[in-house]
């Protein structure tokens, strides 16, 4: 009996697996959801947002003298947003610095040699997850806060002017905070340094400007990232000349875009 050996032809372009943006996106989603720090940090952000919003609403209801319903009621119930941004910022940093600290970034860049699709995928996965999670937390925080304020007839409703924008604005604000933190992490490539920078930008510098003479701060303090973005949920923090909500949000997004641009440039130019 004669055996005929058929030569195996090399895989063609059509059968060879190619690196596409969709496949990179799925890969990054798998990595993101498989980390225990993702779930725990998101949970902390949700608890801070809802729990502290409820606490401030309860305190306001018990000390209602001089309290004006409406915009103040809305912003009070969403106060937890400014504490949740710490957890969201940390998650954004860990999204990329975690791979640098473990050396996994080399494997990621070997699989995706063009590099930038990996960064776009990380940002997209983070933005989608953070926005949907914090939007649910924002609605819950608003409803719980207004239920507590309703005991003193100080509550607002979603149909009130600015209410829906503030609820969505809280989720948008936190999403951009996280994207900014991810860009800072990609630039610094060190977890401690990146988290310290995020804390300085969003927690330390804005309050310090209140100690300066208003003649020095009136022309720039409203353009700080946190002060600009906070106007989306009626958080002015004593800023004398706050920007309009969507203008402020555009300024905040501008900071994020610039930092992401620098992060992309460094990722392409500097080895891991």
Protein backbone atom coordinates (compact mmCIF):
# COMPACT_ATOMS: atom_id res chain seq x y z
CA UNK A 1 0.00 0.00 0.00
CA UNK A 2 1.33 3.37 -0.99
CA UNK A 3 0.91 6.36 1.32
CA UNK A 4 0.63 9.69 -0.36
CA UNK A 5 1.84 12.57 1.75
CA UNK A 6 0.15 15.86 1.07
CA UNK A 7 2.31 18.83 1.94
CA UNK A 8 0.80 21.23 4.46
CA UNK A 9 0.60 24.68 3.03
CA UNK A 10 1.49 27.62 5.25
CA UNK A 11 -1.42 29.59 6.68
CA UNK A 12 -2.65 32.28 4.41
CA UNK A 13 -3.52 35.80 5.39
CA UNK A 14 -7.19 34.85 5.56
CA UNK A 15 -6.62 32.02 8.07
CA UNK A 16 -3.93 33.66 10.21
CA UNK A 17 -5.23 35.47 13.28
CA UNK A 18 -4.67 39.16 12.94
CA UNK A 19 -4.41 41.77 15.66
CA UNK A 20 -7.49 43.94 15.34
CA UNK A 21 -8.85 46.67 17.58
CA UNK A 22 -11.85 44.52 18.47
CA UNK A 23 -9.66 41.59 19.56
CA UNK A 24 -7.45 43.92 21.59
CA UNK A 25 -10.56 45.42 23.18
CA UNK A 26 -11.84 41.97 24.18
CA UNK A 27 -8.43 41.10 25.57
CA UNK A 28 -8.29 44.25 27.69
CA UNK A 29 -11.84 43.63 28.93
CA UNK A 30 -10.84 40.14 30.02
CA UNK A 31 -7.83 41.49 31.91
CA UNK A 32 -9.84 44.32 33.45
CA UNK A 33 -12.70 42.19 34.80
CA UNK A 34 -10.44 39.39 36.01
CA UNK A 35 -8.62 41.65 38.50
CA UNK A 36 -10.01 41.63 42.04
CA UNK A 37 -8.91 45.24 42.46
CA UNK A 38 -11.36 46.27 39.72
CA UNK A 39 -14.42 45.00 41.56
CA UNK A 40 -13.29 46.15 44.99
CA UNK A 41 -12.31 49.66 43.84
CA UNK A 42 -15.54 50.15 41.90
CA UNK A 43 -17.48 48.95 44.94
CA UNK A 44 -15.65 51.46 47.15
CA UNK A 45 -16.51 54.23 44.69
CA UNK A 46 -20.20 53.25 44.71
CA UNK A 47 -20.32 53.06 48.52
CA UNK A 48 -18.62 56.45 48.86
CA UNK A 49 -20.93 58.08 46.38
CA UNK A 50 -24.20 56.73 47.76
CA UNK A 51 -23.23 56.58 51.44
CA UNK A 52 -21.69 60.03 51.72
CA UNK A 53 -24.41 61.56 49.57
CA UNK A 54 -27.01 60.12 51.95
CA UNK A 55 -25.05 61.33 54.98
CA UNK A 56 -24.81 64.90 53.71
CA UNK A 57 -28.50 64.87 52.75
CA UNK A 58 -29.46 63.64 56.22
CA UNK A 59 -27.33 66.31 57.90
CA UNK A 60 -28.82 68.98 55.66
CA UNK A 61 -32.36 67.80 56.44
CA UNK A 62 -31.68 68.01 60.17
CA UNK A 63 -30.15 71.49 59.86
CA UNK A 64 -32.48 72.94 57.28
CA UNK A 65 -32.32 76.57 58.40
CA UNK A 66 -31.55 78.76 55.41
CA UNK A 67 -31.52 75.79 53.05
CA UNK A 68 -33.00 76.44 49.62
CA UNK A 69 -34.55 73.53 47.71
CA UNK A 70 -33.72 73.02 44.05
CA UNK A 71 -30.13 73.18 42.87
CA UNK A 72 -28.80 72.97 46.43
CA UNK A 73 -30.82 69.82 47.08
CA UNK A 74 -29.47 68.26 43.89
CA UNK A 75 -25.81 69.05 44.60
CA UNK A 76 -26.14 67.93 48.24
CA UNK A 77 -27.31 64.45 47.25
CA UNK A 78 -24.39 64.14 44.82
CA UNK A 79 -21.67 65.32 47.24
CA UNK A 80 -20.29 61.79 47.42
CA UNK A 81 -19.06 62.22 43.84
CA UNK A 82 -16.06 64.21 45.06
CA UNK A 83 -15.01 61.44 47.41
CA UNK A 84 -15.69 58.65 44.90
CA UNK A 85 -13.25 60.32 42.49
CA UNK A 86 -10.37 59.13 44.67
CA UNK A 87 -11.33 55.47 44.15
CA UNK A 88 -11.99 56.02 40.44
CA UNK A 89 -8.65 57.80 40.07
CA UNK A 90 -6.81 54.95 41.78
CA UNK A 91 -8.53 52.42 39.51
CA UNK A 92 -7.55 54.42 36.44
CA UNK A 93 -3.92 54.48 37.56
CA UNK A 94 -3.83 50.76 38.38
CA UNK A 95 -5.32 49.92 35.00
CA UNK A 96 -1.96 50.56 33.36
CA UNK A 97 0.71 50.88 36.07
CA UNK A 98 -0.19 47.42 37.36
CA UNK A 99 1.16 45.94 34.13
CA UNK A 100 4.35 47.98 34.37
CA UNK A 101 4.98 46.88 37.98
CA UNK A 102 4.53 43.18 37.15
CA UNK A 103 6.29 43.29 33.77
CA UNK A 104 3.14 42.11 31.98
CA UNK A 105 3.31 45.21 29.80
CA UNK A 106 6.08 43.54 27.76
CA UNK A 107 3.77 40.65 26.90
CA UNK A 108 0.97 43.03 26.00
CA UNK A 109 3.21 45.04 23.70
CA UNK A 110 4.61 41.87 22.12
CA UNK A 111 1.10 40.79 21.18
CA UNK A 112 0.18 44.31 20.07
CA UNK A 113 3.43 45.62 18.55
CA UNK A 114 1.84 48.81 17.23
CA UNK A 115 1.14 49.69 20.90
CA UNK A 116 -1.51 52.36 20.50
CA UNK A 117 -4.45 49.94 19.99
CA UNK A 118 -3.69 48.61 23.49
CA UNK A 119 -3.95 52.12 24.98
CA UNK A 120 -7.18 52.89 23.11
CA UNK A 121 -8.65 49.57 24.28
CA UNK A 122 -7.74 50.22 27.92
CA UNK A 123 -9.30 53.68 27.79
CA UNK A 124 -12.47 52.39 26.10
CA UNK A 125 -12.92 49.53 28.56
CA UNK A 126 -12.38 51.83 31.51
CA UNK A 127 -14.65 54.58 30.19
CA UNK A 128 -17.54 52.21 29.48
CA UNK A 129 -17.32 50.38 32.80
CA UNK A 130 -16.80 53.50 34.92
CA UNK A 131 -19.57 55.49 33.24
CA UNK A 132 -22.24 52.78 33.50
CA UNK A 133 -21.33 51.91 37.09
CA UNK A 134 -21.18 55.48 38.32
CA UNK A 135 -24.34 56.45 36.42
CA UNK A 136 -26.23 53.78 38.38
CA UNK A 137 -24.61 55.02 41.59
CA UNK A 138 -25.43 58.63 40.71
CA UNK A 139 -29.12 57.91 40.16
CA UNK A 140 -29.25 55.92 43.40
CA UNK A 141 -27.47 58.66 45.32
CA UNK A 142 -29.87 61.28 43.96
CA UNK A 143 -32.98 59.26 44.81
CA UNK A 144 -31.76 58.35 48.31
CA UNK A 145 -30.73 61.94 49.01
CA UNK A 146 -34.06 63.37 47.88
CA UNK A 147 -35.95 60.79 49.95
CA UNK A 148 -34.08 62.00 53.04
CA UNK A 149 -34.63 65.65 52.17
CA UNK A 150 -38.32 65.10 51.51
CA UNK A 151 -38.91 64.68 55.25
CA UNK A 152 -38.41 68.45 55.52
CA UNK A 153 -39.99 69.17 52.11
CA UNK A 154 -36.61 70.24 50.74
CA UNK A 155 -36.31 67.67 47.97
CA UNK A 156 -36.00 68.14 44.23
CA UNK A 157 -37.10 65.90 41.37
CA UNK A 158 -35.45 64.76 38.16
CA UNK A 159 -37.76 67.09 36.23
CA UNK A 160 -36.32 70.14 37.99
CA UNK A 161 -33.95 72.34 35.95
CA UNK A 162 -30.43 70.95 35.98
CA UNK A 163 -31.32 67.77 37.87
CA UNK A 164 -30.91 65.27 35.03
CA UNK A 165 -27.80 67.07 33.79
CA UNK A 166 -26.28 66.87 37.28
CA UNK A 167 -26.99 63.16 37.64
CA UNK A 168 -25.45 62.37 34.27
CA UNK A 169 -22.78 64.99 34.91
CA UNK A 170 -21.61 63.19 38.05
CA UNK A 171 -21.01 60.00 36.04
CA UNK A 172 -19.31 61.92 33.22
CA UNK A 173 -17.14 63.81 35.69
CA UNK A 174 -15.95 60.60 37.36
CA UNK A 175 -15.31 58.93 34.02
CA UNK A 176 -13.07 61.78 32.87
CA UNK A 177 -11.28 61.77 36.24
CA UNK A 178 -10.49 58.10 35.68
CA UNK A 179 -9.34 58.64 32.09
CA UNK A 180 -7.10 61.48 33.26
CA UNK A 181 -5.66 59.19 35.94
CA UNK A 182 -5.04 56.45 33.36
CA UNK A 183 -3.16 58.92 31.17
CA UNK A 184 -1.07 60.06 34.15
CA UNK A 185 -0.32 56.43 34.95
CA UNK A 186 0.76 55.79 31.35
CA UNK A 187 3.04 58.83 31.48
CA UNK A 188 4.69 58.14 34.85
CA UNK A 189 4.57 54.31 34.72
CA UNK A 190 4.77 54.18 38.51
CA UNK A 191 1.77 53.52 40.74
CA UNK A 192 2.82 55.61 43.74
CA UNK A 193 3.92 58.59 41.66
CA UNK A 194 0.77 58.52 39.53
CA UNK A 195 -1.64 58.25 42.49
CA UNK A 196 0.20 61.08 44.27
CA UNK A 197 -0.15 63.25 41.16
CA UNK A 198 -3.87 62.48 40.84
CA UNK A 199 -4.46 63.31 44.51
CA UNK A 200 -2.53 66.57 44.13
CA UNK A 201 -4.47 67.63 41.01
CA UNK A 202 -7.95 66.82 42.30
CA UNK A 203 -7.67 67.10 46.09
CA UNK A 204 -4.72 69.27 47.12
CA UNK A 205 -4.24 72.09 44.62
CA UNK A 206 -7.89 73.31 44.40
CA UNK A 207 -8.31 73.86 48.18
CA UNK A 208 -4.88 75.49 48.41
CA UNK A 209 -5.92 78.13 45.90
CA UNK A 210 -8.56 79.30 48.41
CA UNK A 211 -5.71 80.46 50.65
CA UNK A 212 -4.40 82.83 47.98
CA UNK A 213 -5.71 86.37 47.44
CA UNK A 214 -8.71 86.45 45.14
CA UNK A 215 -6.91 88.98 42.96
CA UNK A 216 -4.52 86.18 42.00
CA UNK A 217 -7.01 83.33 41.65
CA UNK A 218 -10.02 84.96 39.98
CA UNK A 219 -8.58 84.54 36.50
CA UNK A 220 -7.45 80.90 36.61
CA UNK A 221 -8.99 78.91 39.47
CA UNK A 222 -12.16 78.18 37.47
CA UNK A 223 -10.00 76.45 34.85
CA UNK A 224 -8.53 73.86 37.21
CA UNK A 225 -9.72 70.38 36.13
CA UNK A 226 -11.81 69.65 39.22
CA UNK A 227 -13.34 73.13 39.42
CA UNK A 228 -14.16 73.13 35.72
CA UNK A 229 -15.76 69.69 35.72
CA UNK A 230 -17.61 70.07 39.03
CA UNK A 231 -19.88 72.74 37.53
CA UNK A 232 -21.65 69.90 35.71
CA UNK A 233 -23.23 68.96 39.04
CA UNK A 234 -23.49 72.48 40.44
CA UNK A 235 -20.36 72.17 42.53
CA UNK A 236 -18.66 75.57 42.51
CA UNK A 237 -16.66 75.29 45.78
CA UNK A 238 -16.67 79.04 46.29
CA UNK A 239 -15.25 79.82 42.84
CA UNK A 240 -16.04 83.46 42.18
CA UNK A 241 -16.53 83.15 38.42
CA UNK A 242 -17.43 79.52 37.59
CA UNK A 243 -17.70 78.40 34.01
CA UNK A 244 -20.98 77.27 32.53
CA UNK A 245 -21.61 73.51 32.97
CA UNK A 246 -20.82 72.31 29.45
CA UNK A 247 -17.96 74.76 28.99
CA UNK A 248 -16.41 73.56 32.24
CA UNK A 249 -16.82 69.93 31.20
CA UNK A 250 -15.20 70.70 27.83
CA UNK A 251 -12.22 72.26 29.63
CA UNK A 252 -11.90 69.18 31.84
CA UNK A 253 -12.05 66.91 28.79
CA UNK A 254 -9.39 69.07 27.16
CA UNK A 255 -6.96 68.29 29.98
CA UNK A 256 -7.69 64.57 29.58
CA UNK A 257 -7.20 64.66 25.80
CA UNK A 258 -3.86 66.46 26.11
CA UNK A 259 -2.59 64.00 28.73
CA UNK A 260 -3.76 61.03 26.66
CA UNK A 261 -1.93 62.49 23.68
CA UNK A 262 1.30 62.73 25.67
CA UNK A 263 0.76 59.20 27.01
CA UNK A 264 0.32 57.87 23.47
CA UNK A 265 3.46 59.68 22.33
CA UNK A 266 5.52 58.22 25.18
CA UNK A 267 4.13 54.73 24.62
CA UNK A 268 5.24 54.84 20.99
CA UNK A 269 8.64 56.44 21.66
CA UNK A 270 9.84 54.93 24.93
CA UNK A 271 10.29 51.22 25.61
CA UNK A 272 8.49 49.59 28.52
